[in-house]
C-alpha atoms as a PDB file:
ATOM      1  CA  MET A   1       6.700 -12.326  33.560  1.00  0.00           C
ATOM      2  CA  ARG A   2       9.811 -11.008  31.981  1.00  0.00           C
ATOM      3  CA  ALA A   3       9.844  -7.414  30.590  1.00  0.00           C
ATOM      4  CA  ILE A   4      12.659  -5.538  28.514  1.00  0.00           C
ATOM      5  CA  VAL A   5      12.070  -1.999  30.074  1.00  0.00           C
ATOM      6  CA  LEU A   6      13.455   1.348  28.691  1.00  0.00           C
ATOM      7  CA  SER A   7      13.877   3.573  31.393  1.00  0.00           C
ATOM      8  CA  ALA A   8      15.762   6.658  29.618  1.00  0.00           C
ATOM      9  CA  PRO A   9      17.060   7.277  26.082  1.00  0.00           C
ATOM     10  CA  GLY A  10      20.598   5.985  25.386  1.00  0.00           C
ATOM     11  CA  PRO A  11      22.819   3.037  24.379  1.00  0.00           C
ATOM     12  CA  ALA A  12      21.406  -0.369  23.637  1.00  0.00           C
ATOM     13  CA  GLU A  13      22.347  -1.402  27.378  1.00  0.00           C
ATOM     14  CA  ASN A  14      19.460   1.065  28.462  1.00  0.00           C
ATOM     15  CA  LEU A  15      17.066  -1.878  27.313  1.00  0.00           C
ATOM     16  CA  GLU A  16      17.149  -4.131  30.530  1.00  0.00           C
ATOM     17  CA  ILE A  17      15.159  -7.256  31.340  1.00  0.00           C
ATOM     18  CA  HIS A  18      12.592  -6.746  34.530  1.00  0.00           C
ATOM     19  CA  ASP A  19      10.641  -9.219  36.537  1.00  0.00           C
ATOM     20  CA  ARG A  20       7.193  -7.567  36.350  1.00  0.00           C
ATOM     21  CA  PRO A  21       3.101  -8.911  37.419  1.00  0.00           C
ATOM     22  CA  LEU A  22       1.095 -10.249  34.909  1.00  0.00           C
ATOM     23  CA  PRO A  23      -0.477  -6.680  33.341  1.00  0.00           C
ATOM     24  CA  ALA A  24      -4.222  -6.531  34.581  1.00  0.00           C
ATOM     25  CA  VAL A  25      -6.675  -6.962  31.707  1.00  0.00           C
ATOM     26  CA  GLY A  26     -10.041  -4.829  31.443  1.00  0.00           C
ATOM     27  CA  ALA A  27     -12.899  -4.245  29.511  1.00  0.00           C
ATOM     28  CA  GLY A  28     -12.352  -3.593  25.850  1.00  0.00           C
ATOM     29  CA  GLN A  29      -8.710  -5.037  26.377  1.00  0.00           C
ATOM     30  CA  VAL A  30      -7.056  -8.112  25.064  1.00  0.00           C
ATOM     31  CA  ARG A  31      -3.916  -9.885  27.143  1.00  0.00           C
ATOM     32  CA  LEU A  32      -1.987 -11.102  24.537  1.00  0.00           C
ATOM     33  CA  ARG A  33       1.048 -14.283  25.595  1.00  0.00           C
ATOM     34  CA  VAL A  34       3.432 -12.711  23.181  1.00  0.00           C
ATOM     35  CA  HIS A  35       5.775 -15.197  21.133  1.00  0.00           C
ATOM     36  CA  ALA A  36       7.423 -13.046  19.186  1.00  0.00           C
ATOM     37  CA  PHE A  37       7.627  -9.378  18.467  1.00  0.00           C
ATOM     38  CA  GLY A  38       9.359  -7.452  15.534  1.00  0.00           C
ATOM     39  CA  LEU A  39      12.137  -4.793  15.993  1.00  0.00           C
ATOM     40  CA  ASN A  40      11.004  -1.750  13.863  1.00  0.00           C
ATOM     41  CA  ARG A  41      13.382   1.543  12.879  1.00  0.00           C
ATOM     42  CA  SER A  42      10.586   3.448  15.063  1.00  0.00           C
ATOM     43  CA  ASP A  43      11.687   1.677  18.263  1.00  0.00           C
ATOM     44  CA  LEU A  44      15.111   2.662  17.476  1.00  0.00           C
ATOM     45  CA  HIS A  45      13.938   6.342  17.220  1.00  0.00           C
ATOM     46  CA  LEU A  46      12.493   6.130  20.664  1.00  0.00           C
ATOM     47  CA  ARG A  47      15.509   4.478  22.390  1.00  0.00           C
ATOM     48  CA  LEU A  48      17.339   7.096  20.919  1.00  0.00           C
ATOM     49  CA  GLY A  49      15.547  10.041  22.423  1.00  0.00           C
ATOM     50  CA  TYR A  50      13.841  10.943  18.969  1.00  0.00           C
ATOM     51  CA  ALA A  51      10.242   9.553  19.600  1.00  0.00           C
ATOM     52  CA  GLU A  52       8.498  12.829  21.095  1.00  0.00           C
ATOM     53  CA  GLY A  53       5.676  12.395  23.671  1.00  0.00           C
ATOM     54  CA  ALA A  54       6.604   8.935  24.652  1.00  0.00           C
ATOM     55  CA  ARG A  55       6.014   7.936  28.051  1.00  0.00           C
ATOM     56  CA  LEU A  56       9.171   6.646  30.597  1.00  0.00           C
ATOM     57  CA  PRO A  57       9.870   4.260  31.578  1.00  0.00           C
ATOM     58  CA  ILE A  58       8.142   2.063  29.378  1.00  0.00           C
ATOM     59  CA  VAL A  59       8.107  -1.285  27.860  1.00  0.00           C
ATOM     60  CA  PRO A  60       9.026  -0.611  24.006  1.00  0.00           C
ATOM     61  CA  GLY A  61       7.523  -2.463  20.870  1.00  0.00           C
ATOM     62  CA  ILE A  62       4.555  -1.272  18.357  1.00  0.00           C
ATOM     63  CA  GLU A  63       4.484  -4.821  17.648  1.00  0.00           C
ATOM     64  CA  ALA A  64       4.067  -8.308  18.894  1.00  0.00           C
ATOM     65  CA  VAL A  65       2.468 -11.566  17.933  1.00  0.00           C
ATOM     66  CA  GLY A  66       1.074 -14.370  20.062  1.00  0.00           C
ATOM     67  CA  VAL A  67      -2.318 -16.071  21.692  1.00  0.00           C
ATOM     68  CA  VAL A  68      -4.997 -14.319  23.666  1.00  0.00           C
ATOM     69  CA  ASP A  69      -4.594 -14.627  27.110  1.00  0.00           C
ATOM     70  CA  ALA A  70      -7.556 -12.991  28.402  1.00  0.00           C
ATOM     71  CA  ALA A  71     -10.029 -11.050  26.691  1.00  0.00           C
ATOM     72  CA  PRO A  72     -13.176 -10.183  29.034  1.00  0.00           C
ATOM     73  CA  GLY A  73     -16.195  -9.506  27.113  1.00  0.00           C
ATOM     74  CA  SER A  74     -14.465  -9.435  23.583  1.00  0.00           C
ATOM     75  CA  ASP A  75     -15.156 -11.806  20.474  1.00  0.00           C
ATOM     76  CA  LEU A  76     -11.995 -13.137  21.307  1.00  0.00           C
ATOM     77  CA  GLU A  77     -11.508 -16.282  22.712  1.00  0.00           C
ATOM     78  CA  PRO A  78      -8.237 -17.395  24.962  1.00  0.00           C
ATOM     79  CA  GLY A  79      -5.865 -19.384  22.888  1.00  0.00           C
ATOM     80  CA  GLN A  80      -6.566 -17.468  19.838  1.00  0.00           C
ATOM     81  CA  GLN A  81      -3.918 -16.663  17.317  1.00  0.00           C
ATOM     82  CA  VAL A  82      -3.513 -12.995  17.146  1.00  0.00           C
ATOM     83  CA  ALA A  83      -1.252  -9.591  16.216  1.00  0.00           C
ATOM     84  CA  ALA A  84      -1.361  -6.238  18.055  1.00  0.00           C
ATOM     85  CA  LEU A  85       0.220  -3.396  17.012  1.00  0.00           C
ATOM     86  CA  MET A  86       0.398   0.386  16.953  1.00  0.00           C
ATOM     87  CA  GLY A  87      -2.267   2.752  18.749  1.00  0.00           C
ATOM     88  CA  GLY A  88       0.005   3.831  21.200  1.00  0.00           C
ATOM     89  CA  MET A  89       2.148   0.592  21.821  1.00  0.00           C
ATOM     90  CA  GLY A  90       5.132   1.255  23.186  1.00  0.00           C
ATOM     91  CA  ARG A  91       4.690   4.971  23.533  1.00  0.00           C
ATOM     92  CA  SER A  92       2.070   5.931  25.627  1.00  0.00           C
ATOM     93  CA  PHE A  93       1.468   2.344  27.454  1.00  0.00           C
ATOM     94  CA  ASP A  94       3.486  -1.021  27.698  1.00  0.00           C
ATOM     95  CA  GLY A  95       4.309  -2.603  24.126  1.00  0.00           C
ATOM     96  CA  GLY A  96       5.217  -5.911  22.816  1.00  0.00           C
ATOM     97  CA  TYR A  97       8.551  -6.467  24.301  1.00  0.00           C
ATOM     98  CA  ALA A  98       7.866  -8.896  26.929  1.00  0.00           C
ATOM     99  CA  ASP A  99       5.891 -12.048  27.816  1.00  0.00           C
ATOM    100  CA  TYR A 100       2.649 -10.393  27.811  1.00  0.00           C
ATOM    101  CA  THR A 101       1.177  -7.286  26.440  1.00  0.00           C
ATOM    102  CA  VAL A 102      -2.223  -5.530  27.319  1.00  0.00           C
ATOM    103  CA  VAL A 103      -3.641  -3.715  23.896  1.00  0.00           C
ATOM    104  CA  PRO A 104      -7.214  -2.273  22.618  1.00  0.00           C
ATOM    105  CA  ARG A 105      -8.795  -4.677  21.075  1.00  0.00           C
ATOM    106  CA  SER A 106      -9.273  -2.511  18.359  1.00  0.00           C
ATOM    107  CA  GLN A 107      -5.311  -2.954  17.660  1.00  0.00           C
ATOM    108  CA  VAL A 108      -5.939  -6.942  17.467  1.00  0.00           C
ATOM    109  CA  ILE A 109      -6.116  -8.591  14.202  1.00  0.00           C
ATOM    110  CA  PRO A 110      -6.930 -12.326  14.334  1.00  0.00           C
ATOM    111  CA  PHE A 111      -5.315 -14.932  11.901  1.00  0.00           C
ATOM    112  CA  ARG A 112      -4.832 -18.850  12.182  1.00  0.00           C
ATOM    113  CA  SER A 113      -1.541 -19.853  10.752  1.00  0.00           C
ATOM    114  CA  ASP A 114       0.870 -23.295  11.487  1.00  0.00           C
ATOM    115  CA  LEU A 115       4.076 -21.146  10.255  1.00  0.00           C
ATOM    116  CA  PRO A 116       6.450 -20.564  13.309  1.00  0.00           C
ATOM    117  CA  TRP A 117       6.329 -17.792  15.566  1.00  0.00           C
ATOM    118  CA  ARG A 118       9.689 -16.381  14.255  1.00  0.00           C
ATOM    119  CA  VAL A 119       8.236 -15.875  10.613  1.00  0.00           C
ATOM    120  CA  ILE A 120       4.962 -14.611  11.658  1.00  0.00           C
ATOM    121  CA  GLY A 121       6.830 -12.185  13.588  1.00  0.00           C
ATOM    122  CA  ALA A 122       8.050 -10.450  10.476  1.00  0.00           C
ATOM    123  CA  VAL A 123       4.968  -9.851   8.925  1.00  0.00           C
ATOM    124  CA  PRO A 124       2.356  -7.789  10.841  1.00  0.00           C
ATOM    125  CA  GLU A 125       3.608  -3.979  11.037  1.00  0.00           C
ATOM    126  CA  THR A 126       5.993  -4.128   7.811  1.00  0.00           C
ATOM    127  CA  LEU A 127       2.929  -5.559   5.979  1.00  0.00           C
ATOM    128  CA  GLN A 128       0.633  -3.241   7.313  1.00  0.00           C
ATOM    129  CA  THR A 129       3.130  -0.338   6.128  1.00  0.00           C
ATOM    130  CA  ALA A 130       4.178  -1.604   2.919  1.00  0.00           C
ATOM    131  CA  TYR A 131       0.318  -2.523   1.729  1.00  0.00           C
ATOM    132  CA  GLY A 132      -0.868   1.013   2.975  1.00  0.00           C
ATOM    133  CA  SER A 133       2.146   2.687   1.470  1.00  0.00           C
ATOM    134  CA  LEU A 134       1.198   1.213  -2.138  1.00  0.00           C
ATOM    135  CA  THR A 135      -2.405   1.634  -1.770  1.00  0.00           C
ATOM    136  CA  THR A 136      -3.256   4.974  -0.008  1.00  0.00           C
ATOM    137  CA  GLY A 137      -0.105   6.510  -0.116  1.00  0.00           C
ATOM    138  CA  LEU A 138       0.656   5.702  -4.215  1.00  0.00           C
ATOM    139  CA  ASP A 139      -2.187   4.246  -5.539  1.00  0.00           C
ATOM    140  CA  LEU A 140      -0.131   2.093  -7.232  1.00  0.00           C
ATOM    141  CA  ARG A 141      -1.047  -0.002 -10.643  1.00  0.00           C
ATOM    142  CA  ALA A 142      -0.233  -2.772 -12.826  1.00  0.00           C
ATOM    143  CA  GLY A 143       1.931  -1.795 -15.331  1.00  0.00           C
ATOM    144  CA  GLN A 144       3.471   1.586 -13.560  1.00  0.00           C
ATOM    145  CA  THR A 145       7.298   1.737 -12.434  1.00  0.00           C
ATOM    146  CA  LEU A 146       8.049   1.915  -8.710  1.00  0.00           C
ATOM    147  CA  LEU A 147      11.005   3.419  -7.150  1.00  0.00           C
ATOM    148  CA  ILE A 148      11.923   2.120  -3.654  1.00  0.00           C
ATOM    149  CA  ARG A 149      14.548   4.246  -1.674  1.00  0.00           C
ATOM    150  CA  GLY A 150      15.933   1.893   0.786  1.00  0.00           C
ATOM    151  CA  GLY A 151      15.291  -1.378  -0.373  1.00  0.00           C
ATOM    152  CA  THR A 152      16.974  -3.569   1.505  1.00  0.00           C
ATOM    153  CA  SER A 153      15.162  -2.377   4.572  1.00  0.00           C
ATOM    154  CA  ALA A 154      11.750  -4.559   5.831  1.00  0.00           C
ATOM    155  CA  LEU A 155       9.887  -2.544   4.330  1.00  0.00           C
ATOM    156  CA  GLY A 156      11.842  -1.980   1.084  1.00  0.00           C
ATOM    157  CA  TYR A 157      11.644  -5.917   0.626  1.00  0.00           C
ATOM    158  CA  ALA A 158       7.957  -5.918   1.551  1.00  0.00           C
ATOM    159  CA  THR A 159       6.936  -3.421  -0.691  1.00  0.00           C
ATOM    160  CA  ALA A 160       8.891  -4.635  -3.442  1.00  0.00           C
ATOM    161  CA  ALA A 161       6.857  -8.227  -3.038  1.00  0.00           C
ATOM    162  CA  LEU A 162       3.598  -6.699  -3.099  1.00  0.00           C
ATOM    163  CA  ALA A 163       4.514  -4.578  -5.984  1.00  0.00           C
ATOM    164  CA  ARG A 164       5.726  -7.141  -8.031  1.00  0.00           C
ATOM    165  CA  ASP A 165       2.929  -9.220  -7.006  1.00  0.00           C
ATOM    166  CA  LEU A 166       0.614  -6.106  -8.438  1.00  0.00           C
ATOM    167  CA  GLY A 167       2.432  -6.076 -11.974  1.00  0.00           C
ATOM    168  CA  ALA A 168       4.983  -3.473 -11.342  1.00  0.00           C
ATOM    169  CA  THR A 169       7.940  -3.049 -12.251  1.00  0.00           C
ATOM    170  CA  VAL A 170      10.372  -2.213  -9.330  1.00  0.00           C
ATOM    171  CA  LEU A 171      13.261  -0.045  -9.169  1.00  0.00           C
ATOM    172  CA  ALA A 172      15.173  -0.295  -5.632  1.00  0.00           C
ATOM    173  CA  THR A 173      18.601   1.332  -3.692  1.00  0.00           C
ATOM    174  CA  THR A 174      21.072   0.122  -1.517  1.00  0.00           C
ATOM    175  CA  ARG A 175      23.925   1.666  -0.120  1.00  0.00           C
ATOM    176  CA  GLN A 176      26.088  -1.271  -0.178  1.00  0.00           C
ATOM    177  CA  ALA A 177      27.057  -2.979  -3.491  1.00  0.00           C
ATOM    178  CA  SER A 178      27.103  -6.548  -1.958  1.00  0.00           C
ATOM    179  CA  ARG A 179      23.405  -6.410  -1.187  1.00  0.00           C
ATOM    180  CA  LEU A 180      22.573  -5.630  -4.927  1.00  0.00           C
ATOM    181  CA  ALA A 181      22.534  -9.018  -5.580  1.00  0.00           C
ATOM    182  CA  GLU A 182      19.993  -9.583  -2.681  1.00  0.00           C
ATOM    183  CA  LEU A 183      17.803  -7.244  -4.647  1.00  0.00           C
ATOM    184  CA  ALA A 184      17.831  -9.353  -7.268  1.00  0.00           C
ATOM    185  CA  ALA A 185      17.129 -12.422  -5.734  1.00  0.00           C
ATOM    186  CA  ALA A 186      14.513 -10.674  -3.946  1.00  0.00           C
ATOM    187  CA  GLY A 187      12.711 -10.018  -7.726  1.00  0.00           C
ATOM    188  CA  VAL A 188      13.548  -6.623  -7.851  1.00  0.00           C
ATOM    189  CA  ASP A 189      13.831  -5.728 -11.561  1.00  0.00           C
ATOM    190  CA  HIS A 190      16.872  -3.047 -10.972  1.00  0.00           C
ATOM    191  CA  PRO A 191      18.867  -2.938  -7.798  1.00  0.00           C
ATOM    192  CA  ILE A 192      20.722   0.339  -7.700  1.00  0.00           C
ATOM    193  CA  LEU A 193      23.573   1.175  -5.970  1.00  0.00           C
ATOM    194  CA  ASP A 194      22.743   4.369  -3.710  1.00  0.00           C
ATOM    195  CA  ASP A 195      25.440   6.657  -4.026  1.00  0.00           C
ATOM    196  CA  GLY A 196      22.981   9.660  -2.736  1.00  0.00           C
ATOM    197  CA  ALA A 197      22.121  10.793  -6.293  1.00  0.00           C
ATOM    198  CA  VAL A 198      20.083   8.111  -8.045  1.00  0.00           C
ATOM    199  CA  ALA A 199      17.847  10.063 -10.130  1.00  0.00           C
ATOM    200  CA  ALA A 200      20.298  10.390 -13.176  1.00  0.00           C
ATOM    201  CA  ARG A 201      20.795   6.416 -13.176  1.00  0.00           C
ATOM    202  CA  VAL A 202      16.804   5.816 -12.839  1.00  0.00           C
ATOM    203  CA  ARG A 203      16.289   8.281 -15.705  1.00  0.00           C
ATOM    204  CA  GLU A 204      19.079   6.121 -18.041  1.00  0.00           C
ATOM    205  CA  LEU A 205      16.273   3.350 -17.138  1.00  0.00           C
ATOM    206  CA  ARG A 206      13.319   5.282 -17.327  1.00  0.00           C
ATOM    207  CA  PRO A 207      13.943   8.492 -19.298  1.00  0.00           C
ATOM    208  CA  GLY A 208      10.532  10.173 -18.389  1.00  0.00           C
ATOM    209  CA  GLY A 209      10.838   9.440 -14.635  1.00  0.00           C
ATOM    210  CA  VAL A 210       9.129   6.508 -12.371  1.00  0.00           C
ATOM    211  CA  ASP A 211       5.369   6.490 -12.132  1.00  0.00           C
ATOM    212  CA  ALA A 212       5.892   5.918  -8.292  1.00  0.00           C
ATOM    213  CA  ALA A 213       8.253   6.444  -5.496  1.00  0.00           C
ATOM    214  CA  LEU A 214       8.688   4.884  -1.881  1.00  0.00           C
ATOM    215  CA  GLU A 215      10.851   7.070   0.443  1.00  0.00           C
ATOM    216  CA  LEU A 216      12.178   5.010   3.305  1.00  0.00           C
ATOM    217  CA  VAL A 217      15.547   6.937   3.991  1.00  0.00           C
ATOM    218  CA  GLY A 218      13.925  10.160   5.088  1.00  0.00           C
ATOM    219  CA  THR A 219      14.576  13.645   3.697  1.00  0.00           C
ATOM    220  CA  PRO A 220      18.439  13.456   2.842  1.00  0.00           C
ATOM    221  CA  THR A 221      17.276  11.535  -0.511  1.00  0.00           C
ATOM    222  CA  LEU A 222      14.221  13.122  -0.977  1.00  0.00           C
ATOM    223  CA  PRO A 223      14.846  15.914  -2.873  1.00  0.00           C
ATOM    224  CA  ASP A 224      17.144  13.076  -5.316  1.00  0.00           C
ATOM    225  CA  THR A 225      13.837  10.872  -5.259  1.00  0.00           C
ATOM    226  CA  LEU A 226      11.242  13.564  -6.400  1.00  0.00           C
ATOM    227  CA  ALA A 227      13.718  14.323  -9.013  1.00  0.00           C
ATOM    228  CA  ALA A 228      13.561  10.552 -10.180  1.00  0.00           C
ATOM    229  CA  THR A 229       9.683  10.848 -10.433  1.00  0.00           C
ATOM    230  CA  ARG A 230       8.170  11.715 -13.389  1.00  0.00           C
ATOM    231  CA  VAL A 231       5.560  15.103 -14.107  1.00  0.00           C
ATOM    232  CA  HIS A 232       2.016  13.509 -12.532  1.00  0.00           C
ATOM    233  CA  GLY A 233       3.889  10.828 -10.514  1.00  0.00           C
ATOM    234  CA  THR A 234       3.539  10.251  -6.897  1.00  0.00           C
ATOM    235  CA  VAL A 235       6.535  10.101  -4.201  1.00  0.00           C
ATOM    236  CA  CYS A 236       5.195   8.665  -0.844  1.00  0.00           C
ATOM    237  CA  PHE A 237       7.333   9.845   2.352  1.00  0.00           C
ATOM    238  CA  ALA A 238       6.733   6.513   4.578  1.00  0.00           C
ATOM    239  CA  GLY A 239      10.131   6.231   6.387  1.00  0.00           C
ATOM    240  CA  MET A 240      13.354   7.819   7.917  1.00  0.00           C
ATOM    241  CA  LEU A 241      16.297   5.091   7.908  1.00  0.00           C
ATOM    242  CA  SER A 242      18.490   7.860   8.252  1.00  0.00           C
ATOM    243  CA  ASN A 243      16.785   9.577  11.413  1.00  0.00           C
ATOM    244  CA  GLN A 244      16.094  12.767   9.704  1.00  0.00           C
ATOM    245  CA  TRP A 245      12.523  13.440   9.083  1.00  0.00           C
ATOM    246  CA  THR A 246      12.355  17.319   8.958  1.00  0.00           C
ATOM    247  CA  ILE A 247      12.443  19.946   6.766  1.00  0.00           C
ATOM    248  CA  PRO A 248      14.264  23.039   7.647  1.00  0.00           C
ATOM    249  CA  ASP A 249      12.865  26.572   5.555  1.00  0.00           C
ATOM    250  CA  PHE A 250      10.724  24.192   3.456  1.00  0.00           C
ATOM    251  CA  TYR A 251       9.927  26.198   0.313  1.00  0.00           C
ATOM    252  CA  PRO A 252       7.458  23.948  -1.532  1.00  0.00           C
ATOM    253  CA  ILE A 253       7.597  26.127  -4.889  1.00  0.00           C
ATOM    254  CA  GLY A 254      11.612  25.837  -4.821  1.00  0.00           C
ATOM    255  CA  TYR A 255      11.451  22.538  -3.250  1.00  0.00           C
ATOM    256  CA  LEU A 256       9.233  20.084  -5.351  1.00  0.00           C
ATOM    257  CA  PRO A 257       9.838  19.377  -9.032  1.00  0.00           C
ATOM    258  CA  THR A 258       7.073  20.827 -11.142  1.00  0.00           C
ATOM    259  CA  GLY A 259       3.862  18.804 -11.494  1.00  0.00           C
ATOM    260  CA  VAL A 260       5.482  15.864  -9.327  1.00  0.00           C
ATOM    261  CA  ARG A 261       2.790  15.006  -6.260  1.00  0.00           C
ATOM    262  CA  LEU A 262       4.260  14.339  -2.630  1.00  0.00           C
ATOM    263  CA  THR A 263       2.185  11.989   0.059  1.00  0.00           C
ATOM    264  CA  ALA A 264       2.761  10.769   3.243  1.00  0.00           C
ATOM    265  CA  TYR A 265       1.770   7.590   4.989  1.00  0.00           C
ATOM    266  CA  SER A 266       1.268   6.094   8.855  1.00  0.00           C
ATOM    267  CA  GLY A 267      -0.998   3.555   9.233  1.00  0.00           C
ATOM    268  CA  ASP A 268      -2.713   1.835  12.142  1.00  0.00           C
ATOM    269  CA  ALA A 269      -4.088  -1.899  13.033  1.00  0.00           C
ATOM    270  CA  VAL A 270      -7.722  -0.703  11.405  1.00  0.00           C
ATOM    271  CA  ASN A 271      -5.564  -0.127   7.779  1.00  0.00           C
ATOM    272  CA  LEU A 272      -4.431  -3.679   7.424  1.00  0.00           C
ATOM    273  CA  PRO A 273      -7.617  -5.883   7.105  1.00  0.00           C
ATOM    274  CA  GLN A 274      -7.736  -8.896   8.678  1.00  0.00           C
ATOM    275  CA  PRO A 275      -8.181 -10.999   5.270  1.00  0.00           C
ATOM    276  CA  VAL A 276      -4.819  -9.168   3.807  1.00  0.00           C
ATOM    277  CA  LEU A 277      -2.819 -10.366   6.716  1.00  0.00           C
ATOM    278  CA  GLN A 278      -4.247 -14.107   6.841  1.00  0.00           C
ATOM    279  CA  ASP A 279      -3.629 -13.931   2.607  1.00  0.00           C
ATOM    280  CA  ALA A 280      -0.239 -13.151   3.364  1.00  0.00           C
ATOM    281  CA  LEU A 281       0.409 -15.549   5.765  1.00  0.00           C
ATOM    282  CA  ASP A 282      -1.190 -17.980   3.983  1.00  0.00           C
ATOM    283  CA  ARG A 283       1.019 -17.487   0.787  1.00  0.00           C
ATOM    284  CA  LEU A 284       4.336 -17.951   2.779  1.00  0.00           C
ATOM    285  CA  ALA A 285       3.268 -21.156   4.248  1.00  0.00           C
ATOM    286  CA  ALA A 286       2.714 -21.955   0.447  1.00  0.00           C
ATOM    287  CA  GLY A 287       5.883 -20.405  -0.667  1.00  0.00           C
ATOM    288  CA  THR A 288       3.896 -18.153  -3.036  1.00  0.00           C
ATOM    289  CA  LEU A 289       5.383 -14.881  -1.608  1.00  0.00           C
ATOM    290  CA  THR A 290       8.883 -13.943   0.656  1.00  0.00           C
ATOM    291  CA  LEU A 291       8.764 -10.390   2.167  1.00  0.00           C
ATOM    292  CA  GLY A 292      12.275 -10.487   2.248  1.00  0.00           C
ATOM    293  CA  PRO A 293      15.363 -11.571   5.029  1.00  0.00           C
ATOM    294  CA  VAL A 294      14.317 -12.221   8.734  1.00  0.00           C
ATOM    295  CA  THR A 295      16.864 -12.419  11.543  1.00  0.00           C
ATOM    296  CA  VAL A 296      16.069 -13.673  14.952  1.00  0.00           C
ATOM    297  CA  TYR A 297      17.107 -13.271  17.968  1.00  0.00           C
ATOM    298  CA  PRO A 298      16.370 -14.501  21.651  1.00  0.00           C
ATOM    299  CA  PHE A 299      14.825 -12.385  24.121  1.00  0.00           C
ATOM    300  CA  ASP A 300      18.053 -11.852  26.454  1.00  0.00           C
ATOM    301  CA  ARG A 301      19.784 -10.563  23.350  1.00  0.00           C
ATOM    302  CA  ILE A 302      17.757  -7.710  22.497  1.00  0.00           C
ATOM    303  CA  ALA A 303      20.666  -4.969  22.930  1.00  0.00           C
ATOM    304  CA  ASP A 304      22.504  -6.971  20.463  1.00  0.00           C
ATOM    305  CA  ALA A 305      19.256  -6.985  17.909  1.00  0.00           C
ATOM    306  CA  HIS A 306      19.028  -2.978  18.480  1.00  0.00           C
ATOM    307  CA  ARG A 307      22.695  -2.627  18.069  1.00  0.00           C
ATOM    308  CA  ASP A 308      22.692  -4.367  14.826  1.00  0.00           C
ATOM    309  CA  ILE A 309      19.557  -2.489  13.466  1.00  0.00           C
ATOM    310  CA  GLU A 310      21.314   0.843  14.429  1.00  0.00           C
ATOM    311  CA  HIS A 311      24.686   0.124  12.849  1.00  0.00           C
ATOM    312  CA  ASN A 312      22.915  -1.179   9.705  1.00  0.00           C
ATOM    313  CA  ARG A 313      24.701  -4.735  10.153  1.00  0.00           C
ATOM    314  CA  VAL A 314      20.979  -6.639   9.229  1.00  0.00           C
ATOM    315  CA  SER A 315      19.091  -6.639   5.731  1.00  0.00           C
ATOM    316  CA  GLY A 316      15.443  -7.571   6.013  1.00  0.00           C
ATOM    317  CA  LYS A 317      13.601  -7.641   9.281  1.00  0.00           C
ATOM    318  CA  VAL A 318      14.742  -8.297  12.708  1.00  0.00           C
ATOM    319  CA  VAL A 319      12.436 -10.400  15.209  1.00  0.00           C
ATOM    320  CA  VAL A 320      12.755 -11.170  18.557  1.00  0.00           C
ATOM    321  CA  VAL A 321      11.479 -15.025  19.869  1.00  0.00           C
ATOM    322  CA  THR A 322      10.090 -15.479  23.588  1.00  0.00           C
ATOM    323  CA  GLY A 323      10.827 -18.775  23.956  1.00  0.00           C
ATOM    324  CA  SER A 324       7.545 -18.960  26.374  1.00  0.00           C
END
C-alpha cells in the first residue's frame, strides 16, 4: 500500500510517499481501506514540529473515511462505510494518510451514504469539533448571538451552519476582505473584517456584547474576543490558526473581563454521536445543509495541500482522495 510518512519536522517536502506492507489488524482493532481523509490544522502543527509527544517517523492524519477491510471479533463487517478519527491517530500510531490504516474500534463511527468520498471526507473531525464546541463548550441556545473568530476556516464554516440551524445569529470574522462575500453566502448574518481589533465593531452591532464566541485564531486574538462578549457570556477556545496557544505570565484577574466565562473544547470520536454524523450526511445529500467550501487534492499532491493550508490559500476544508 501507499503511505505518506513524516520522518522529521520541516517543510511540506518532508511528507514522502512510501510503499509499505498492509498493516496487521488485531482484536479490538479495525483496518480501514481509506478512500479520503481531511486535513486539519493539527496536521500542520505536527509537520512544523509543534505537536509535543508525537512519534516520528509516522503516518500523519487524525481522520479518515472509507470502508472496513477487516475487524476481527467486532460488530463491524467488511465493506461497511466508516469514519475514523482522533484517539492518537497520526500522533501515537499511524493515521489516515495512507491507503489503509488500523485504528481502535472505539475511534470508528459507522454510517451509510451515497455521497462522493471527497464530500464525506470533509465531515467527521470538523463536525465533531463544531458540534462539541456549540454544545459542550458554549451551550449555545436559539435566539443567542455567536461570534466566530476565524470564520473562513473549515471549523468556522461548519460552526456557523450548525449555529444558524439552531436559531442563533452569527457574526464571523475574516482577515481577507475578498472573503466577506463568502461568509455572507454561507449564511453568516454579520461578516466582519478582522484587523486584529473587532470588539468595537461587534459592539456596534451588539452593544452589550455577544452571548457566545468561538475562538479559532488563538491566543493573539483571545483578549479582543473576550472584550466582544457580554457579562455572563462564554468564550470557547477551540482552535489555533495562528499557531499560538499559550499565554505567557497568565494573570486571570487582569486578563479576563469581569463576568465573562472562558472555556475550551477538544473532543474525540466518542463526542460525535453516530446519529449526528448520519444526520449531517443525510442533510448534505438532500441539500439542506452545507458545511462550507471544500478543496480536493489527489494523494500524490499532499505537499501542495499542506503548503496551501500553511499559507492560507484555501478557504474551508481540504480533503485528499486516495483514488483507491
